[in-house]
N, C-alpha and C. Protein backbone atom coordinates (compact mmCIF):
# COMPACT_ATOMS: atom_id res chain seq x y z
N MET A 1 114.29 99.21 111.89
CA MET A 1 113.66 98.53 110.77
C MET A 1 113.63 99.48 109.58
N HIS A 2 114.19 99.03 108.46
CA HIS A 2 114.25 99.94 107.33
C HIS A 2 112.97 99.89 106.50
N GLU A 3 112.90 100.79 105.55
CA GLU A 3 111.66 101.02 104.80
C GLU A 3 111.15 99.77 104.08
N GLN A 4 112.05 99.01 103.49
CA GLN A 4 111.61 97.82 102.75
C GLN A 4 111.09 96.73 103.67
N GLN A 5 111.72 96.57 104.84
CA GLN A 5 111.19 95.61 105.82
C GLN A 5 109.80 96.04 106.29
N ALA A 6 109.64 97.34 106.54
CA ALA A 6 108.33 97.84 106.96
C ALA A 6 107.29 97.58 105.88
N ALA A 7 107.68 97.75 104.62
CA ALA A 7 106.74 97.50 103.52
C ALA A 7 106.33 96.04 103.46
N ILE A 8 107.26 95.14 103.68
CA ILE A 8 106.95 93.70 103.67
C ILE A 8 105.98 93.37 104.80
N LEU A 9 106.18 93.98 105.96
CA LEU A 9 105.27 93.76 107.09
C LEU A 9 103.86 94.26 106.77
N VAL A 10 103.77 95.44 106.17
CA VAL A 10 102.45 95.99 105.83
C VAL A 10 101.78 95.13 104.76
N ILE A 11 102.54 94.68 103.77
CA ILE A 11 101.97 93.80 102.74
C ILE A 11 101.45 92.52 103.39
N ALA A 12 102.24 91.92 104.27
CA ALA A 12 101.80 90.70 104.96
C ALA A 12 100.54 90.97 105.76
N SER A 13 100.49 92.10 106.43
CA SER A 13 99.31 92.47 107.20
C SER A 13 98.07 92.51 106.33
N ARG A 14 98.22 93.10 105.16
CA ARG A 14 97.08 93.25 104.24
C ARG A 14 96.62 91.91 103.66
N VAL A 15 97.56 91.11 103.20
CA VAL A 15 97.16 89.90 102.50
C VAL A 15 96.80 88.75 103.44
N LEU A 16 97.17 88.85 104.71
CA LEU A 16 96.83 87.78 105.65
C LEU A 16 95.51 88.01 106.37
N GLY A 17 94.82 89.09 106.05
CA GLY A 17 93.46 89.26 106.54
C GLY A 17 92.50 88.43 105.70
N TYR A 18 91.31 88.22 106.21
CA TYR A 18 90.30 87.48 105.45
C TYR A 18 90.05 88.20 104.13
N PRO A 19 90.06 87.49 103.00
CA PRO A 19 89.94 88.14 101.69
C PRO A 19 88.57 88.80 101.48
N GLU A 20 88.56 90.12 101.43
CA GLU A 20 87.32 90.86 101.20
C GLU A 20 87.13 91.06 99.69
N GLU A 21 86.04 91.73 99.34
CA GLU A 21 85.70 91.91 97.91
C GLU A 21 86.79 92.62 97.12
N THR A 22 87.51 93.53 97.77
CA THR A 22 88.54 94.31 97.07
C THR A 22 89.92 93.65 97.09
N PHE A 23 89.99 92.40 97.52
CA PHE A 23 91.29 91.75 97.75
C PHE A 23 92.17 91.77 96.50
N HIS A 24 91.65 91.37 95.36
CA HIS A 24 92.47 91.31 94.14
C HIS A 24 92.90 92.70 93.68
N GLN A 25 92.06 93.69 93.88
CA GLN A 25 92.45 95.07 93.56
C GLN A 25 93.57 95.53 94.49
N ASP A 26 93.49 95.13 95.76
CA ASP A 26 94.55 95.47 96.71
C ASP A 26 95.88 94.87 96.27
N LEU A 27 95.85 93.64 95.75
CA LEU A 27 97.08 93.01 95.27
C LEU A 27 97.68 93.77 94.10
N THR A 28 96.83 94.27 93.22
CA THR A 28 97.31 95.07 92.09
C THR A 28 98.00 96.33 92.60
N GLU A 29 97.43 96.98 93.61
CA GLU A 29 98.04 98.18 94.19
C GLU A 29 99.37 97.85 94.85
N ILE A 30 99.46 96.67 95.48
CA ILE A 30 100.73 96.25 96.08
C ILE A 30 101.78 96.09 94.99
N GLU A 31 101.41 95.45 93.90
CA GLU A 31 102.35 95.28 92.78
C GLU A 31 102.89 96.62 92.31
N GLU A 32 102.01 97.60 92.19
CA GLU A 32 102.44 98.93 91.72
C GLU A 32 103.34 99.62 92.74
N SER A 33 103.09 99.39 94.02
CA SER A 33 103.83 100.11 95.06
C SER A 33 105.25 99.61 95.25
N ILE A 34 105.59 98.43 94.75
CA ILE A 34 106.92 97.87 95.02
C ILE A 34 107.84 97.93 93.80
N GLN A 35 107.45 98.64 92.76
CA GLN A 35 108.24 98.67 91.54
C GLN A 35 109.63 99.26 91.74
N GLU A 36 109.79 100.11 92.76
CA GLU A 36 111.09 100.74 93.00
C GLU A 36 112.00 99.89 93.90
N PHE A 37 111.51 98.77 94.37
CA PHE A 37 112.33 97.91 95.25
C PHE A 37 113.44 97.25 94.44
N PRO A 38 114.52 96.84 95.10
CA PRO A 38 115.58 96.10 94.40
C PRO A 38 114.99 94.86 93.71
N GLY A 39 115.60 94.46 92.62
CA GLY A 39 115.05 93.39 91.78
C GLY A 39 114.72 92.11 92.50
N ASP A 40 115.65 91.62 93.37
CA ASP A 40 115.40 90.34 94.03
C ASP A 40 114.24 90.44 95.01
N LEU A 41 114.15 91.56 95.72
CA LEU A 41 113.06 91.74 96.68
C LEU A 41 111.72 91.90 95.96
N CYS A 42 111.71 92.71 94.91
CA CYS A 42 110.50 92.91 94.11
C CYS A 42 110.02 91.57 93.56
N GLU A 43 110.95 90.80 93.05
CA GLU A 43 110.61 89.49 92.47
C GLU A 43 110.04 88.56 93.54
N ALA A 44 110.63 88.57 94.73
CA ALA A 44 110.16 87.71 95.81
C ALA A 44 108.74 88.09 96.23
N ILE A 45 108.47 89.39 96.34
CA ILE A 45 107.13 89.83 96.74
C ILE A 45 106.11 89.49 95.66
N LEU A 46 106.45 89.78 94.41
CA LEU A 46 105.54 89.45 93.31
C LEU A 46 105.27 87.95 93.26
N GLY A 47 106.32 87.15 93.47
CA GLY A 47 106.15 85.70 93.48
C GLY A 47 105.26 85.22 94.60
N SER A 48 105.31 85.91 95.74
CA SER A 48 104.51 85.48 96.90
C SER A 48 103.03 85.84 96.75
N ILE A 49 102.74 86.92 96.02
CA ILE A 49 101.32 87.30 95.89
C ILE A 49 100.67 86.74 94.64
N MET A 50 101.47 86.23 93.70
CA MET A 50 100.89 85.70 92.46
C MET A 50 99.93 84.54 92.71
N PRO A 51 100.24 83.57 93.58
CA PRO A 51 99.27 82.49 93.83
C PRO A 51 97.95 83.02 94.40
N LEU A 52 98.01 84.11 95.14
CA LEU A 52 96.79 84.71 95.69
C LEU A 52 96.02 85.42 94.59
N LYS A 53 96.75 86.09 93.71
CA LYS A 53 96.11 86.86 92.65
C LYS A 53 95.43 85.97 91.62
N THR A 54 95.96 84.79 91.41
CA THR A 54 95.42 83.90 90.39
C THR A 54 94.38 82.92 90.93
N THR A 55 94.00 83.07 92.20
CA THR A 55 92.98 82.21 92.81
C THR A 55 91.67 82.98 92.91
N LEU A 56 90.59 82.35 92.49
CA LEU A 56 89.28 82.99 92.59
C LEU A 56 88.97 83.34 94.04
N LEU A 57 88.28 84.45 94.26
CA LEU A 57 88.00 84.92 95.61
C LEU A 57 87.28 83.86 96.44
N LYS A 58 86.30 83.20 95.86
CA LYS A 58 85.55 82.17 96.59
C LYS A 58 86.49 81.06 97.05
N ASP A 59 87.37 80.61 96.15
CA ASP A 59 88.32 79.54 96.49
C ASP A 59 89.34 80.02 97.52
N LEU A 60 89.75 81.27 97.39
CA LEU A 60 90.73 81.82 98.33
C LEU A 60 90.14 81.91 99.74
N ARG A 61 88.88 82.30 99.82
CA ARG A 61 88.22 82.35 101.13
C ARG A 61 88.15 80.97 101.77
N GLU A 62 87.83 79.97 100.98
CA GLU A 62 87.78 78.60 101.50
C GLU A 62 89.16 78.16 101.97
N THR A 63 90.17 78.49 101.19
CA THR A 63 91.54 78.14 101.55
C THR A 63 91.95 78.86 102.83
N TYR A 64 91.60 80.12 102.94
CA TYR A 64 91.95 80.92 104.12
C TYR A 64 91.39 80.27 105.38
N VAL A 65 90.10 79.95 105.35
CA VAL A 65 89.45 79.35 106.53
C VAL A 65 90.07 77.99 106.83
N ALA A 66 90.25 77.17 105.82
CA ALA A 66 90.82 75.84 106.03
C ALA A 66 92.26 75.91 106.54
N THR A 67 92.98 76.94 106.15
CA THR A 67 94.38 77.08 106.56
C THR A 67 94.51 77.64 107.96
N PHE A 68 93.94 78.81 108.18
CA PHE A 68 94.23 79.54 109.41
C PHE A 68 93.21 79.34 110.53
N ASP A 69 91.99 79.00 110.20
CA ASP A 69 90.97 78.88 111.25
C ASP A 69 90.87 77.48 111.83
N LEU A 70 91.37 76.49 111.14
CA LEU A 70 91.13 75.11 111.56
C LEU A 70 92.39 74.35 111.97
N LYS A 71 93.55 74.99 111.90
CA LYS A 71 94.79 74.30 112.23
C LYS A 71 95.60 75.14 113.22
N LYS A 72 95.85 74.59 114.40
CA LYS A 72 96.51 75.37 115.45
C LYS A 72 97.97 75.69 115.14
N ASN A 73 98.66 74.85 114.35
CA ASN A 73 100.07 75.11 114.06
C ASN A 73 100.28 76.29 113.13
N VAL A 74 99.23 76.70 112.42
CA VAL A 74 99.37 77.81 111.48
C VAL A 74 98.34 78.92 111.77
N GLY A 75 97.79 78.94 112.95
CA GLY A 75 96.85 80.00 113.33
C GLY A 75 97.56 81.35 113.37
N LEU A 76 96.78 82.41 113.32
CA LEU A 76 97.34 83.76 113.22
C LEU A 76 97.32 84.53 114.55
N TYR A 77 97.37 83.81 115.67
CA TYR A 77 97.33 84.45 116.99
C TYR A 77 98.61 84.13 117.76
N LEU A 78 99.36 85.17 118.06
CA LEU A 78 100.68 85.03 118.66
C LEU A 78 100.66 84.23 119.95
N THR A 79 99.80 84.60 120.89
CA THR A 79 99.83 83.92 122.19
C THR A 79 99.34 82.48 122.10
N ALA A 80 98.56 82.15 121.08
CA ALA A 80 98.17 80.75 120.89
C ALA A 80 99.39 79.91 120.53
N HIS A 81 100.31 80.48 119.74
CA HIS A 81 101.56 79.77 119.43
C HIS A 81 102.43 79.66 120.68
N GLU A 82 102.44 80.70 121.48
CA GLU A 82 103.33 80.74 122.64
C GLU A 82 102.79 79.96 123.83
N LEU A 83 101.50 80.05 124.07
CA LEU A 83 100.93 79.51 125.31
C LEU A 83 99.84 78.47 125.12
N GLY A 84 99.34 78.34 123.91
CA GLY A 84 98.26 77.38 123.69
C GLY A 84 97.04 77.74 124.50
N ASP A 85 96.55 76.79 125.27
CA ASP A 85 95.35 77.01 126.08
C ASP A 85 95.68 77.32 127.54
N SER A 86 96.86 77.82 127.79
CA SER A 86 97.27 78.16 129.15
C SER A 86 96.44 79.32 129.70
N PRO A 87 96.14 79.29 131.00
CA PRO A 87 95.46 80.43 131.62
C PRO A 87 96.30 81.72 131.56
N LYS A 88 97.62 81.58 131.30
CA LYS A 88 98.49 82.75 131.20
C LYS A 88 98.19 83.58 129.96
N ARG A 89 97.43 83.00 129.02
CA ARG A 89 97.19 83.70 127.76
C ARG A 89 96.41 85.00 127.99
N GLY A 90 95.50 85.02 128.96
CA GLY A 90 94.73 86.23 129.24
C GLY A 90 95.63 87.39 129.63
N ALA A 91 96.60 87.12 130.52
CA ALA A 91 97.53 88.18 130.94
C ALA A 91 98.39 88.64 129.78
N ALA A 92 98.78 87.70 128.92
CA ALA A 92 99.59 88.06 127.75
C ALA A 92 98.81 88.95 126.79
N LEU A 93 97.52 88.69 126.63
CA LEU A 93 96.67 89.53 125.77
C LEU A 93 96.53 90.94 126.35
N ILE A 94 96.42 91.03 127.66
CA ILE A 94 96.31 92.34 128.31
C ILE A 94 97.60 93.13 128.09
N TRP A 95 98.75 92.47 128.23
CA TRP A 95 100.04 93.14 128.01
C TRP A 95 100.12 93.65 126.58
N LEU A 96 99.70 92.83 125.62
CA LEU A 96 99.75 93.24 124.22
C LEU A 96 98.82 94.42 123.96
N GLN A 97 97.64 94.40 124.57
CA GLN A 97 96.71 95.51 124.37
C GLN A 97 97.29 96.81 124.92
N LYS A 98 97.95 96.74 126.06
CA LYS A 98 98.60 97.93 126.63
C LYS A 98 99.70 98.43 125.70
N THR A 99 100.48 97.51 125.14
CA THR A 99 101.54 97.88 124.20
C THR A 99 100.97 98.58 122.98
N ILE A 100 99.88 98.05 122.47
CA ILE A 100 99.21 98.65 121.30
C ILE A 100 98.70 100.05 121.64
N ASN A 101 98.07 100.18 122.79
CA ASN A 101 97.53 101.48 123.21
C ASN A 101 98.65 102.51 123.41
N GLN A 102 99.75 102.10 124.05
CA GLN A 102 100.86 103.02 124.31
C GLN A 102 101.52 103.49 123.02
N ALA A 103 101.44 102.67 121.98
CA ALA A 103 102.02 103.05 120.68
C ALA A 103 101.08 103.99 119.92
N GLY A 104 99.89 104.23 120.46
CA GLY A 104 98.93 105.09 119.77
C GLY A 104 98.31 104.44 118.56
N PHE A 105 98.29 103.11 118.55
CA PHE A 105 97.79 102.35 117.40
C PHE A 105 96.34 102.00 117.66
N ASP A 106 95.47 102.33 116.72
CA ASP A 106 94.04 102.05 116.88
C ASP A 106 93.68 100.78 116.14
N ARG A 107 93.02 99.88 116.84
CA ARG A 107 92.49 98.68 116.21
C ARG A 107 91.10 99.00 115.69
N ILE A 108 90.82 98.63 114.44
CA ILE A 108 89.52 98.96 113.88
C ILE A 108 88.68 97.72 113.60
N ASP A 109 89.19 96.57 114.00
CA ASP A 109 88.40 95.35 113.79
C ASP A 109 88.14 94.69 115.14
N ASN A 110 87.57 93.52 115.09
CA ASN A 110 87.22 92.82 116.33
C ASN A 110 88.21 91.73 116.69
N GLU A 111 89.39 91.76 116.12
CA GLU A 111 90.38 90.74 116.40
C GLU A 111 91.00 90.93 117.79
N LEU A 112 91.52 89.83 118.32
CA LEU A 112 92.23 89.89 119.59
C LEU A 112 93.53 90.68 119.44
N ALA A 113 94.08 91.11 120.56
CA ALA A 113 95.30 91.92 120.53
C ALA A 113 96.51 91.16 120.01
N ASP A 114 96.43 89.83 119.94
CA ASP A 114 97.59 89.06 119.47
C ASP A 114 97.47 88.62 118.01
N TYR A 115 96.54 89.23 117.27
CA TYR A 115 96.34 88.90 115.87
C TYR A 115 97.59 89.32 115.09
N MET A 116 98.29 88.36 114.55
CA MET A 116 99.62 88.61 113.98
C MET A 116 99.63 89.60 112.82
N PRO A 117 98.68 89.56 111.88
CA PRO A 117 98.70 90.59 110.83
C PRO A 117 98.65 92.01 111.38
N MET A 118 97.88 92.22 112.44
CA MET A 118 97.83 93.55 113.05
C MET A 118 99.18 93.89 113.71
N LEU A 119 99.79 92.89 114.37
CA LEU A 119 101.08 93.14 115.02
C LEU A 119 102.19 93.40 113.99
N TYR A 120 102.10 92.75 112.83
CA TYR A 120 103.06 93.06 111.76
C TYR A 120 102.97 94.54 111.39
N GLU A 121 101.74 95.01 111.21
CA GLU A 121 101.57 96.42 110.82
C GLU A 121 102.02 97.35 111.94
N LEU A 122 101.72 96.98 113.17
CA LEU A 122 102.16 97.78 114.32
C LEU A 122 103.68 97.94 114.30
N LEU A 123 104.40 96.85 114.09
CA LEU A 123 105.87 96.91 114.02
C LEU A 123 106.33 97.82 112.90
N ALA A 124 105.60 97.80 111.79
CA ALA A 124 106.02 98.56 110.61
C ALA A 124 105.85 100.06 110.78
N ILE A 125 104.80 100.48 111.50
CA ILE A 125 104.49 101.91 111.50
C ILE A 125 104.63 102.61 112.84
N SER A 126 104.79 101.87 113.94
CA SER A 126 104.84 102.51 115.26
C SER A 126 106.00 101.99 116.08
N PRO A 127 106.80 102.88 116.64
CA PRO A 127 107.80 102.41 117.60
C PRO A 127 107.07 101.94 118.86
N ILE A 128 107.42 100.76 119.34
CA ILE A 128 106.73 100.24 120.51
C ILE A 128 107.73 99.94 121.61
N ARG A 129 107.21 99.89 122.81
CA ARG A 129 108.03 99.54 123.97
C ARG A 129 108.52 98.10 123.80
N ASP A 130 109.78 97.87 124.07
CA ASP A 130 110.37 96.54 123.98
C ASP A 130 110.19 95.94 122.58
N GLN A 131 110.54 96.74 121.57
CA GLN A 131 110.34 96.33 120.18
C GLN A 131 111.14 95.07 119.84
N GLU A 132 112.37 94.97 120.35
CA GLU A 132 113.20 93.81 120.02
C GLU A 132 112.55 92.52 120.53
N ARG A 133 111.94 92.59 121.70
CA ARG A 133 111.25 91.40 122.23
C ARG A 133 110.08 91.02 121.34
N MET A 134 109.33 92.01 120.87
CA MET A 134 108.20 91.72 119.99
C MET A 134 108.68 91.11 118.67
N VAL A 135 109.77 91.63 118.14
CA VAL A 135 110.34 91.08 116.91
C VAL A 135 110.69 89.60 117.12
N ARG A 136 111.34 89.28 118.23
CA ARG A 136 111.76 87.90 118.49
C ARG A 136 110.54 86.99 118.66
N ARG A 137 109.52 87.48 119.34
CA ARG A 137 108.30 86.68 119.54
C ARG A 137 107.60 86.40 118.21
N LEU A 138 107.45 87.45 117.40
CA LEU A 138 106.80 87.27 116.10
C LEU A 138 107.66 86.40 115.18
N ALA A 139 108.97 86.51 115.29
CA ALA A 139 109.85 85.67 114.48
C ALA A 139 109.62 84.19 114.80
N ALA A 140 109.55 83.86 116.08
CA ALA A 140 109.36 82.46 116.47
C ALA A 140 108.01 81.92 115.99
N ALA A 141 106.95 82.71 116.14
CA ALA A 141 105.62 82.26 115.72
C ALA A 141 105.52 82.19 114.19
N THR A 142 106.11 83.17 113.50
CA THR A 142 106.09 83.17 112.03
C THR A 142 106.87 81.97 111.49
N HIS A 143 108.00 81.69 112.10
CA HIS A 143 108.80 80.52 111.71
C HIS A 143 107.99 79.24 111.94
N ARG A 144 107.28 79.16 113.03
CA ARG A 144 106.46 77.97 113.31
C ARG A 144 105.39 77.77 112.24
N ILE A 145 104.75 78.87 111.84
CA ILE A 145 103.75 78.77 110.77
C ILE A 145 104.41 78.29 109.48
N LEU A 146 105.55 78.88 109.14
CA LEU A 146 106.22 78.54 107.88
C LEU A 146 106.56 77.06 107.80
N ILE A 147 107.07 76.49 108.88
CA ILE A 147 107.49 75.08 108.82
C ILE A 147 106.30 74.13 108.82
N HIS A 148 105.13 74.60 109.23
CA HIS A 148 103.94 73.74 109.22
C HIS A 148 103.03 73.96 108.02
N LEU A 149 103.31 75.00 107.24
CA LEU A 149 102.45 75.32 106.11
C LEU A 149 102.99 74.61 104.85
N PRO A 150 102.17 73.85 104.15
CA PRO A 150 102.65 73.20 102.92
C PRO A 150 103.10 74.24 101.89
N GLN A 151 104.15 73.93 101.17
CA GLN A 151 104.68 74.88 100.19
C GLN A 151 103.69 75.20 99.09
N GLU A 152 102.76 74.29 98.82
CA GLU A 152 101.78 74.54 97.77
C GLU A 152 100.64 75.44 98.23
N ASN A 153 100.59 75.76 99.53
CA ASN A 153 99.56 76.67 100.03
C ASN A 153 99.83 78.06 99.46
N PRO A 154 98.81 78.76 98.95
CA PRO A 154 99.06 80.07 98.32
C PRO A 154 99.60 81.13 99.28
N TYR A 155 99.49 80.90 100.59
CA TYR A 155 100.00 81.87 101.57
C TYR A 155 101.45 81.59 101.98
N TYR A 156 102.00 80.49 101.53
CA TYR A 156 103.34 80.09 101.95
C TYR A 156 104.38 81.17 101.66
N GLY A 157 104.33 81.75 100.48
CA GLY A 157 105.33 82.74 100.09
C GLY A 157 105.35 83.98 100.98
N ILE A 158 104.20 84.33 101.53
CA ILE A 158 104.14 85.50 102.42
C ILE A 158 105.00 85.25 103.67
N PHE A 159 104.85 84.07 104.26
CA PHE A 159 105.63 83.76 105.47
C PHE A 159 107.10 83.54 105.13
N LYS A 160 107.37 82.99 103.96
CA LYS A 160 108.77 82.82 103.54
C LYS A 160 109.45 84.17 103.41
N ASN A 161 108.77 85.15 102.81
CA ASN A 161 109.34 86.49 102.70
C ASN A 161 109.58 87.13 104.07
N LEU A 162 108.63 86.95 104.98
CA LEU A 162 108.81 87.51 106.33
C LEU A 162 110.06 86.95 106.98
N MET A 163 110.28 85.64 106.84
CA MET A 163 111.45 85.03 107.46
C MET A 163 112.74 85.31 106.68
N SER A 164 112.62 85.54 105.39
CA SER A 164 113.82 85.81 104.57
C SER A 164 114.30 87.25 104.66
N PHE A 165 113.35 88.19 104.76
CA PHE A 165 113.71 89.60 104.64
C PHE A 165 113.48 90.45 105.89
N VAL A 166 112.68 89.96 106.85
CA VAL A 166 112.33 90.79 108.00
C VAL A 166 112.82 90.20 109.31
N PHE A 167 112.41 88.99 109.60
CA PHE A 167 112.65 88.44 110.93
C PHE A 167 113.92 87.61 111.00
N PRO A 168 114.61 87.66 112.16
CA PRO A 168 115.76 86.79 112.35
C PRO A 168 115.29 85.34 112.57
N THR A 169 116.12 84.40 112.17
CA THR A 169 115.79 82.99 112.42
C THR A 169 115.81 82.75 113.92
N PRO A 170 114.76 82.14 114.46
CA PRO A 170 114.76 81.88 115.91
C PRO A 170 115.90 80.94 116.30
N THR A 171 116.41 81.15 117.49
CA THR A 171 117.45 80.25 118.00
C THR A 171 116.80 78.93 118.42
N ALA A 172 117.63 77.92 118.59
CA ALA A 172 117.13 76.62 119.05
C ALA A 172 116.44 76.78 120.40
N GLU A 173 116.99 77.65 121.25
CA GLU A 173 116.40 77.87 122.58
C GLU A 173 115.01 78.51 122.46
N GLU A 174 114.86 79.46 121.55
CA GLU A 174 113.56 80.11 121.36
C GLU A 174 112.53 79.12 120.82
N ILE A 175 112.93 78.26 119.91
CA ILE A 175 112.02 77.25 119.38
C ILE A 175 111.62 76.27 120.47
N GLN A 176 112.59 75.85 121.26
CA GLN A 176 112.30 74.91 122.34
C GLN A 176 111.37 75.54 123.38
N LYS A 177 111.61 76.80 123.71
CA LYS A 177 110.75 77.50 124.68
C LYS A 177 109.32 77.60 124.16
N LEU A 178 109.18 77.90 122.86
CA LEU A 178 107.86 78.01 122.26
C LEU A 178 107.11 76.69 122.40
N GLU A 179 107.80 75.58 122.20
CA GLU A 179 107.16 74.26 122.29
C GLU A 179 106.86 73.89 123.75
N GLN A 180 107.75 74.24 124.66
CA GLN A 180 107.57 73.84 126.06
C GLN A 180 106.50 74.65 126.78
N ASP A 181 106.38 75.94 126.45
CA ASP A 181 105.45 76.81 127.17
C ASP A 181 104.00 76.64 126.73
N ARG A 182 103.80 76.05 125.56
CA ARG A 182 102.44 75.94 125.02
C ARG A 182 101.71 74.79 125.71
N GLU A 183 100.52 75.09 126.21
CA GLU A 183 99.70 74.08 126.87
C GLU A 183 98.57 73.66 125.96
N GLU A 184 98.31 72.36 125.91
CA GLU A 184 97.22 71.84 125.10
C GLU A 184 95.95 71.80 125.95
N ALA A 185 94.82 71.90 125.29
CA ALA A 185 93.54 71.82 125.99
C ALA A 185 93.36 70.41 126.55
N ASP A 186 92.80 70.33 127.74
CA ASP A 186 92.51 69.04 128.35
C ASP A 186 91.15 68.57 127.86
N LEU A 187 91.18 67.66 126.89
CA LEU A 187 89.93 67.19 126.29
C LEU A 187 89.63 65.74 126.67
N GLU A 188 90.34 65.23 127.66
CA GLU A 188 90.11 63.86 128.11
C GLU A 188 88.73 63.77 128.77
N PRO A 189 88.05 62.61 128.62
CA PRO A 189 86.77 62.46 129.31
C PRO A 189 86.97 62.48 130.82
N MET A 190 86.00 63.04 131.51
CA MET A 190 86.10 63.11 132.96
C MET A 190 85.91 61.71 133.55
N PRO A 191 86.57 61.42 134.67
CA PRO A 191 86.49 60.07 135.24
C PRO A 191 85.14 59.77 135.89
N TYR A 192 84.32 60.79 136.03
CA TYR A 192 83.01 60.61 136.66
C TYR A 192 82.03 61.56 136.01
N PRO A 193 80.76 61.26 135.99
CA PRO A 193 79.77 62.17 135.37
C PRO A 193 79.56 63.41 136.21
N ILE A 194 79.30 64.51 135.55
CA ILE A 194 78.94 65.73 136.26
C ILE A 194 77.45 65.65 136.60
N MET A 195 77.14 65.86 137.84
CA MET A 195 75.74 65.79 138.27
C MET A 195 75.17 67.21 138.42
N TYR A 196 74.10 67.50 137.73
CA TYR A 196 73.47 68.80 137.83
C TYR A 196 72.31 68.71 138.80
N GLN A 197 72.12 69.71 139.61
CA GLN A 197 71.01 69.71 140.57
C GLN A 197 70.08 70.86 140.30
């Protein structure tokens, strides 16, 4: 992974977190840090963060929650895209946590090990075991978010840049596997009442 791809991953990691008080200042620092990038890449990054920069923090927070916290097709958790509500998700989270630990990467928040912004940064700064597999997994989940996110959403450009400049387009087989392996929660009413004693 070359330097510019790593930079795009780190930028995505930063802007896809919940917008804190310093969010707009962070965007200004990102703008300054990419001035040496080739023109088309610099333009694409600036274009992707401009909708975020021009949105009031209060409105951006509401958009963030409405976008990522309430819609499963665009959630920011890798194994949720891959497995849904499958019991296999617990084992997948354990594997990811071991991968993170082996890379010497410290998590400083309370997010699960499959939180995609954190995994983007992990890919950018740490060599990890089975890196190609992680790239393919994140590519499939990132692609899934991109195709379900409306273009007018202020976060759309971030995922477009990830798929344009960093991740390979998932194969038809990878997309099909992602859809087949994901289990939905069983929310059907039970055929009989539960009796408590």
